[in-house]
Amino acid sequence: MSQTNVEDLVEAFLNIRAARETLLRSFEAADGELKKDQAAIEVELLNVCNNVNANSINTSYGTVMRKLNERAFCSDWESFYKFVLEHNRVELLEKRIHQTNFKQFIAEEYPDGLPPGINMMREYGITVRKASGN
C-alpha cells in the first residue's frame, strides 16, 4: 500500500470523525432540550396523578400511568459482601466482570492462564489520532 493512499485514508477518516462529532454535538444539544421539556411535563403529570390519587389517567392521546420506581444501592460494600456470603446469596450481585480489575489480577496474581469458566476475547482495532498542529 502506498504512503499516499494511507495519507488519504487517514485524512478521510479524520474528516469523517470530525463531521460525526459535529452531528453528535448538534443532536445531543437538541435532544437535551427535548429531554428537559419532557421531564417538566412528567413532573406536571405526576402532580396531577398525585392530586387526584390516580395510578392511571386515560386521555384521547394516550394513558398516563403512575408507577413506583425502586432501586437498591449500597453505602457499605464490605458489610453487604459479608451478608451475601453469610446467606449464600451471590445472585444478589450482578454477573459481570470488572475488566480493569480482572486484567490486573491476571497479570499480578494468576499468570498461568484463566480461572475456570472464563474466556478471553482479543481482537485488534484501529485508533487514528490527529497530528499535532492540525
N, C-alpha and C. Protein backbone atom coordinates (compact mmCIF):
# COMPACT_ATOMS: atom_id res chain seq x y z
N MET A 1 0.86 -1.18 0.00
CA MET A 1 0.00 0.00 0.00
C MET A 1 0.90 1.23 0.00
N SER A 2 0.60 2.16 -0.84
CA SER A 2 1.45 3.35 -0.96
C SER A 2 1.21 4.30 0.20
N GLN A 3 2.24 5.11 0.48
CA GLN A 3 2.15 6.09 1.55
C GLN A 3 1.04 7.10 1.26
N THR A 4 0.90 7.49 -0.02
CA THR A 4 -0.14 8.45 -0.39
C THR A 4 -1.52 7.89 -0.08
N ASN A 5 -1.72 6.62 -0.37
CA ASN A 5 -3.01 6.01 -0.10
C ASN A 5 -3.32 6.02 1.40
N VAL A 6 -2.33 5.70 2.23
CA VAL A 6 -2.52 5.73 3.67
C VAL A 6 -2.79 7.16 4.13
N GLU A 7 -2.04 8.12 3.58
CA GLU A 7 -2.29 9.54 3.91
C GLU A 7 -3.73 9.91 3.60
N ASP A 8 -4.21 9.53 2.41
CA ASP A 8 -5.58 9.84 2.00
C ASP A 8 -6.60 9.17 2.93
N LEU A 9 -6.33 7.92 3.29
CA LEU A 9 -7.25 7.20 4.16
C LEU A 9 -7.32 7.83 5.55
N VAL A 10 -6.17 8.22 6.09
CA VAL A 10 -6.16 8.86 7.42
C VAL A 10 -6.87 10.20 7.36
N GLU A 11 -6.61 10.97 6.31
CA GLU A 11 -7.30 12.26 6.18
C GLU A 11 -8.81 12.07 6.08
N ALA A 12 -9.25 11.13 5.28
CA ALA A 12 -10.68 10.86 5.14
C ALA A 12 -11.28 10.40 6.46
N PHE A 13 -10.56 9.51 7.15
CA PHE A 13 -11.03 9.01 8.44
C PHE A 13 -11.24 10.16 9.42
N LEU A 14 -10.25 11.04 9.53
CA LEU A 14 -10.34 12.16 10.47
C LEU A 14 -11.44 13.14 10.07
N ASN A 15 -11.63 13.36 8.77
CA ASN A 15 -12.71 14.25 8.32
C ASN A 15 -14.07 13.68 8.67
N ILE A 16 -14.22 12.38 8.47
CA ILE A 16 -15.50 11.74 8.81
C ILE A 16 -15.74 11.80 10.31
N ARG A 17 -14.69 11.53 11.09
CA ARG A 17 -14.84 11.58 12.54
C ARG A 17 -15.24 12.97 12.99
N ALA A 18 -14.63 14.01 12.43
CA ALA A 18 -14.97 15.38 12.80
C ALA A 18 -16.42 15.71 12.43
N ALA A 19 -16.85 15.26 11.26
CA ALA A 19 -18.23 15.50 10.84
C ALA A 19 -19.21 14.78 11.77
N ARG A 20 -18.88 13.56 12.16
CA ARG A 20 -19.74 12.81 13.07
C ARG A 20 -19.81 13.49 14.43
N GLU A 21 -18.67 14.00 14.92
CA GLU A 21 -18.65 14.69 16.21
C GLU A 21 -19.51 15.95 16.17
N THR A 22 -19.47 16.67 15.06
CA THR A 22 -20.31 17.87 14.89
C THR A 22 -21.78 17.48 14.91
N LEU A 23 -22.13 16.45 14.17
CA LEU A 23 -23.52 15.98 14.15
C LEU A 23 -23.96 15.53 15.54
N LEU A 24 -23.09 14.81 16.22
CA LEU A 24 -23.43 14.31 17.54
C LEU A 24 -23.67 15.44 18.52
N ARG A 25 -22.78 16.45 18.52
CA ARG A 25 -22.97 17.60 19.42
C ARG A 25 -24.28 18.31 19.13
N SER A 26 -24.60 18.48 17.86
CA SER A 26 -25.85 19.13 17.47
C SER A 26 -27.05 18.31 17.95
N PHE A 27 -26.98 16.99 17.72
CA PHE A 27 -28.06 16.12 18.15
C PHE A 27 -28.21 16.15 19.66
N GLU A 28 -27.10 16.03 20.39
CA GLU A 28 -27.15 16.00 21.86
C GLU A 28 -27.72 17.28 22.43
N ALA A 29 -27.40 18.42 21.82
CA ALA A 29 -27.93 19.69 22.29
C ALA A 29 -29.45 19.73 22.09
N ALA A 30 -29.90 19.36 20.90
CA ALA A 30 -31.34 19.37 20.61
C ALA A 30 -32.06 18.34 21.47
N ASP A 31 -31.47 17.16 21.60
CA ASP A 31 -32.08 16.10 22.40
C ASP A 31 -32.15 16.51 23.86
N GLY A 32 -31.12 17.19 24.36
CA GLY A 32 -31.11 17.65 25.74
C GLY A 32 -32.26 18.60 26.03
N GLU A 33 -32.52 19.50 25.09
CA GLU A 33 -33.65 20.42 25.25
C GLU A 33 -34.98 19.67 25.29
N LEU A 34 -35.12 18.71 24.38
CA LEU A 34 -36.35 17.92 24.36
C LEU A 34 -36.51 17.10 25.65
N LYS A 35 -35.42 16.55 26.15
CA LYS A 35 -35.47 15.79 27.40
C LYS A 35 -35.90 16.67 28.57
N LYS A 36 -35.39 17.92 28.60
CA LYS A 36 -35.78 18.85 29.67
C LYS A 36 -37.28 19.14 29.59
N ASP A 37 -37.77 19.40 28.38
CA ASP A 37 -39.20 19.67 28.20
C ASP A 37 -40.04 18.46 28.63
N GLN A 38 -39.58 17.29 28.23
CA GLN A 38 -40.31 16.07 28.58
C GLN A 38 -40.31 15.85 30.10
N ALA A 39 -39.18 16.11 30.76
CA ALA A 39 -39.09 15.94 32.21
C ALA A 39 -40.03 16.90 32.93
N ALA A 40 -40.14 18.12 32.43
CA ALA A 40 -41.05 19.10 33.05
C ALA A 40 -42.50 18.63 32.92
N ILE A 41 -42.83 18.07 31.78
CA ILE A 41 -44.19 17.56 31.58
C ILE A 41 -44.44 16.36 32.49
N GLU A 42 -43.44 15.49 32.65
CA GLU A 42 -43.58 14.34 33.55
C GLU A 42 -43.87 14.80 34.98
N VAL A 43 -43.19 15.86 35.42
CA VAL A 43 -43.43 16.39 36.77
C VAL A 43 -44.88 16.85 36.88
N GLU A 44 -45.37 17.57 35.89
CA GLU A 44 -46.75 18.05 35.92
C GLU A 44 -47.75 16.89 35.92
N LEU A 45 -47.48 15.86 35.09
CA LEU A 45 -48.38 14.71 35.05
C LEU A 45 -48.36 13.94 36.36
N LEU A 46 -47.20 13.82 36.99
CA LEU A 46 -47.12 13.16 38.29
C LEU A 46 -47.90 13.96 39.33
N ASN A 47 -47.80 15.29 39.27
CA ASN A 47 -48.58 16.13 40.19
C ASN A 47 -50.07 15.90 40.00
N VAL A 48 -50.52 15.80 38.77
CA VAL A 48 -51.93 15.55 38.51
C VAL A 48 -52.34 14.20 39.10
N CYS A 49 -51.55 13.16 38.86
CA CYS A 49 -51.87 11.84 39.41
C CYS A 49 -51.91 11.87 40.93
N ASN A 50 -50.93 12.56 41.53
CA ASN A 50 -50.90 12.65 42.99
C ASN A 50 -52.09 13.41 43.53
N ASN A 51 -52.46 14.51 42.87
CA ASN A 51 -53.58 15.35 43.33
C ASN A 51 -54.92 14.62 43.28
N VAL A 52 -55.10 13.77 42.29
CA VAL A 52 -56.37 13.04 42.17
C VAL A 52 -56.24 11.59 42.65
N ASN A 53 -55.07 11.25 43.20
CA ASN A 53 -54.78 9.92 43.73
C ASN A 53 -55.11 8.83 42.70
N ALA A 54 -54.58 9.00 41.50
CA ALA A 54 -54.84 8.04 40.43
C ALA A 54 -53.53 7.38 39.99
N ASN A 55 -53.60 6.10 39.72
CA ASN A 55 -52.44 5.40 39.18
C ASN A 55 -52.44 5.41 37.65
N SER A 56 -53.57 5.77 37.07
CA SER A 56 -53.62 5.93 35.61
C SER A 56 -54.71 6.92 35.25
N ILE A 57 -54.46 7.63 34.16
CA ILE A 57 -55.43 8.60 33.63
C ILE A 57 -55.47 8.39 32.12
N ASN A 58 -56.64 8.14 31.59
CA ASN A 58 -56.81 7.95 30.15
C ASN A 58 -57.12 9.28 29.49
N THR A 59 -56.50 9.53 28.35
CA THR A 59 -56.81 10.69 27.53
C THR A 59 -57.02 10.21 26.10
N SER A 60 -57.48 11.10 25.25
CA SER A 60 -57.66 10.71 23.85
C SER A 60 -56.31 10.49 23.15
N TYR A 61 -55.21 11.03 23.73
CA TYR A 61 -53.89 10.87 23.13
C TYR A 61 -53.12 9.66 23.68
N GLY A 62 -53.49 9.22 24.87
CA GLY A 62 -52.79 8.11 25.48
C GLY A 62 -53.10 8.01 26.95
N THR A 63 -52.46 7.09 27.63
CA THR A 63 -52.71 6.84 29.04
C THR A 63 -51.48 7.22 29.86
N VAL A 64 -51.72 7.95 30.94
CA VAL A 64 -50.67 8.30 31.89
C VAL A 64 -50.73 7.27 33.00
N MET A 65 -49.59 6.66 33.31
CA MET A 65 -49.55 5.67 34.39
C MET A 65 -48.51 6.08 35.42
N ARG A 66 -48.94 6.15 36.66
CA ARG A 66 -48.03 6.45 37.76
C ARG A 66 -47.48 5.12 38.26
N LYS A 67 -46.15 5.06 38.41
CA LYS A 67 -45.54 3.83 38.90
C LYS A 67 -44.51 4.18 39.96
N LEU A 68 -44.26 3.23 40.82
CA LEU A 68 -43.26 3.39 41.86
C LEU A 68 -41.98 2.75 41.37
N ASN A 69 -40.93 3.54 41.24
CA ASN A 69 -39.63 3.02 40.84
C ASN A 69 -38.80 2.80 42.09
N GLU A 70 -38.21 1.61 42.20
CA GLU A 70 -37.35 1.31 43.32
C GLU A 70 -35.99 0.86 42.81
N ARG A 71 -34.96 1.30 43.48
CA ARG A 71 -33.61 0.90 43.10
C ARG A 71 -32.77 0.82 44.38
N ALA A 72 -32.21 -0.36 44.61
CA ALA A 72 -31.37 -0.54 45.79
C ALA A 72 -29.97 0.00 45.50
N PHE A 73 -29.33 0.56 46.50
CA PHE A 73 -27.95 0.98 46.37
C PHE A 73 -27.24 0.66 47.67
N CYS A 74 -25.95 0.57 47.61
CA CYS A 74 -25.16 0.14 48.77
C CYS A 74 -24.30 1.28 49.29
N SER A 75 -24.34 1.48 50.59
CA SER A 75 -23.50 2.50 51.21
C SER A 75 -22.35 1.88 52.00
N ASP A 76 -22.36 0.54 52.15
CA ASP A 76 -21.30 -0.16 52.88
C ASP A 76 -21.06 -1.50 52.20
N TRP A 77 -20.19 -1.51 51.19
CA TRP A 77 -19.95 -2.73 50.41
C TRP A 77 -19.37 -3.85 51.24
N GLU A 78 -18.49 -3.53 52.16
CA GLU A 78 -17.88 -4.57 52.98
C GLU A 78 -18.93 -5.34 53.77
N SER A 79 -19.86 -4.61 54.38
CA SER A 79 -20.94 -5.26 55.13
C SER A 79 -21.86 -6.05 54.22
N PHE A 80 -22.15 -5.50 53.05
CA PHE A 80 -23.04 -6.20 52.14
C PHE A 80 -22.40 -7.47 51.59
N TYR A 81 -21.11 -7.42 51.23
CA TYR A 81 -20.41 -8.63 50.78
C TYR A 81 -20.47 -9.71 51.86
N LYS A 82 -20.25 -9.31 53.10
CA LYS A 82 -20.31 -10.26 54.22
C LYS A 82 -21.70 -10.87 54.31
N PHE A 83 -22.73 -10.05 54.19
CA PHE A 83 -24.12 -10.52 54.22
C PHE A 83 -24.38 -11.53 53.10
N VAL A 84 -23.93 -11.19 51.88
CA VAL A 84 -24.11 -12.07 50.73
C VAL A 84 -23.46 -13.42 50.99
N LEU A 85 -22.25 -13.41 51.51
CA LEU A 85 -21.54 -14.67 51.78
C LEU A 85 -22.18 -15.45 52.92
N GLU A 86 -22.61 -14.77 53.97
CA GLU A 86 -23.25 -15.44 55.12
C GLU A 86 -24.55 -16.13 54.70
N HIS A 87 -25.29 -15.51 53.80
CA HIS A 87 -26.58 -16.07 53.37
C HIS A 87 -26.48 -16.86 52.07
N ASN A 88 -25.25 -16.99 51.55
CA ASN A 88 -25.02 -17.71 50.30
C ASN A 88 -25.97 -17.22 49.20
N ARG A 89 -26.02 -15.91 49.00
CA ARG A 89 -26.96 -15.30 48.04
C ARG A 89 -26.19 -14.46 47.02
N VAL A 90 -25.27 -15.09 46.32
CA VAL A 90 -24.48 -14.37 45.32
C VAL A 90 -25.34 -13.83 44.18
N GLU A 91 -26.55 -14.35 44.02
CA GLU A 91 -27.44 -13.83 42.97
C GLU A 91 -27.91 -12.41 43.25
N LEU A 92 -27.63 -11.91 44.43
CA LEU A 92 -27.96 -10.52 44.73
C LEU A 92 -27.00 -9.55 44.05
N LEU A 93 -25.92 -10.08 43.50
CA LEU A 93 -24.95 -9.27 42.79
C LEU A 93 -25.13 -9.46 41.30
N GLU A 94 -24.73 -8.47 40.50
CA GLU A 94 -24.81 -8.60 39.05
C GLU A 94 -23.69 -9.48 38.55
N LYS A 95 -23.97 -10.17 37.46
CA LYS A 95 -22.99 -11.08 36.88
C LYS A 95 -22.24 -10.40 35.76
N ARG A 96 -21.14 -9.78 36.12
CA ARG A 96 -20.25 -9.21 35.12
C ARG A 96 -18.87 -9.09 35.72
N ILE A 97 -17.90 -9.02 34.87
CA ILE A 97 -16.52 -8.95 35.30
C ILE A 97 -16.03 -7.52 35.16
N HIS A 98 -15.40 -7.01 36.20
CA HIS A 98 -14.79 -5.69 36.12
C HIS A 98 -13.50 -5.86 35.31
N GLN A 99 -13.51 -5.35 34.09
CA GLN A 99 -12.44 -5.64 33.13
C GLN A 99 -11.07 -5.18 33.61
N THR A 100 -10.96 -3.97 34.12
CA THR A 100 -9.66 -3.45 34.56
C THR A 100 -9.12 -4.25 35.74
N ASN A 101 -9.96 -4.51 36.74
CA ASN A 101 -9.51 -5.27 37.90
C ASN A 101 -9.14 -6.70 37.52
N PHE A 102 -9.91 -7.29 36.60
CA PHE A 102 -9.63 -8.66 36.18
C PHE A 102 -8.29 -8.74 35.45
N LYS A 103 -8.03 -7.79 34.55
CA LYS A 103 -6.76 -7.79 33.83
C LYS A 103 -5.59 -7.63 34.80
N GLN A 104 -5.75 -6.78 35.80
CA GLN A 104 -4.71 -6.57 36.80
C GLN A 104 -4.50 -7.84 37.62
N PHE A 105 -5.59 -8.49 38.02
CA PHE A 105 -5.50 -9.74 38.78
C PHE A 105 -4.75 -10.80 37.99
N ILE A 106 -5.10 -10.98 36.73
CA ILE A 106 -4.45 -11.99 35.89
C ILE A 106 -2.96 -11.68 35.76
N ALA A 107 -2.62 -10.43 35.53
CA ALA A 107 -1.23 -10.04 35.34
C ALA A 107 -0.41 -10.23 36.62
N GLU A 108 -0.99 -9.91 37.77
CA GLU A 108 -0.22 -9.91 39.02
C GLU A 108 -0.32 -11.20 39.82
N GLU A 109 -1.49 -11.86 39.79
CA GLU A 109 -1.70 -12.97 40.72
C GLU A 109 -2.04 -14.30 40.08
N TYR A 110 -2.32 -14.32 38.79
CA TYR A 110 -2.77 -15.55 38.16
C TYR A 110 -2.20 -15.64 36.75
N PRO A 111 -0.86 -15.65 36.62
CA PRO A 111 -0.24 -15.58 35.29
C PRO A 111 -0.30 -16.87 34.48
N ASP A 112 -0.78 -17.97 35.08
CA ASP A 112 -0.75 -19.27 34.40
C ASP A 112 -1.95 -19.54 33.51
N GLY A 113 -2.78 -18.56 33.25
CA GLY A 113 -3.95 -18.79 32.39
C GLY A 113 -5.15 -18.05 32.92
N LEU A 114 -6.31 -18.62 32.67
CA LEU A 114 -7.57 -18.00 33.10
C LEU A 114 -8.25 -18.86 34.14
N PRO A 115 -8.95 -18.25 35.07
CA PRO A 115 -9.71 -19.03 36.06
C PRO A 115 -10.79 -19.87 35.36
N PRO A 116 -11.28 -20.91 36.02
CA PRO A 116 -12.33 -21.75 35.42
C PRO A 116 -13.55 -20.93 35.03
N GLY A 117 -14.12 -21.24 33.88
CA GLY A 117 -15.33 -20.58 33.41
C GLY A 117 -15.11 -19.27 32.71
N ILE A 118 -13.88 -18.86 32.56
CA ILE A 118 -13.58 -17.56 31.95
C ILE A 118 -12.96 -17.77 30.57
N ASN A 119 -13.44 -17.05 29.61
CA ASN A 119 -12.85 -16.98 28.27
C ASN A 119 -12.40 -15.55 28.04
N MET A 120 -11.42 -15.39 27.20
CA MET A 120 -10.91 -14.05 26.89
C MET A 120 -11.03 -13.83 25.40
N MET A 121 -11.65 -12.74 25.00
CA MET A 121 -11.73 -12.38 23.60
C MET A 121 -10.74 -11.26 23.35
N ARG A 122 -9.93 -11.44 22.35
CA ARG A 122 -8.97 -10.39 21.97
C ARG A 122 -9.13 -10.14 20.49
N GLU A 123 -9.14 -8.88 20.12
CA GLU A 123 -9.19 -8.53 18.71
C GLU A 123 -8.46 -7.22 18.51
N TYR A 124 -7.85 -7.10 17.36
CA TYR A 124 -7.17 -5.86 17.03
C TYR A 124 -8.18 -4.83 16.55
N GLY A 125 -7.91 -3.59 16.86
CA GLY A 125 -8.70 -2.47 16.37
C GLY A 125 -7.74 -1.40 15.88
N ILE A 126 -8.30 -0.35 15.36
CA ILE A 126 -7.51 0.76 14.82
C ILE A 126 -7.86 2.02 15.59
N THR A 127 -6.87 2.78 15.96
CA THR A 127 -7.06 4.11 16.53
C THR A 127 -6.34 5.08 15.62
N VAL A 128 -7.01 6.15 15.26
CA VAL A 128 -6.39 7.17 14.43
C VAL A 128 -6.37 8.46 15.24
N ARG A 129 -5.18 9.01 15.40
CA ARG A 129 -5.02 10.28 16.13
C ARG A 129 -4.65 11.37 15.16
N LYS A 130 -5.21 12.51 15.40
CA LYS A 130 -4.90 13.68 14.59
C LYS A 130 -3.49 14.15 14.89
N ALA A 131 -2.75 14.52 13.87
CA ALA A 131 -1.38 15.01 14.06
C ALA A 131 -1.41 16.31 14.85
N SER A 132 -0.42 16.51 15.69
CA SER A 132 -0.38 17.76 16.47
C SER A 132 -0.18 18.93 15.53
N GLY A 133 -0.88 20.01 15.83
CA GLY A 133 -0.77 21.20 14.99
C GLY A 133 -1.80 21.23 13.89
N ASN A 134 -2.56 20.19 13.70
CA ASN A 134 -3.62 20.19 12.65
C ASN A 134 -4.98 20.39 13.25
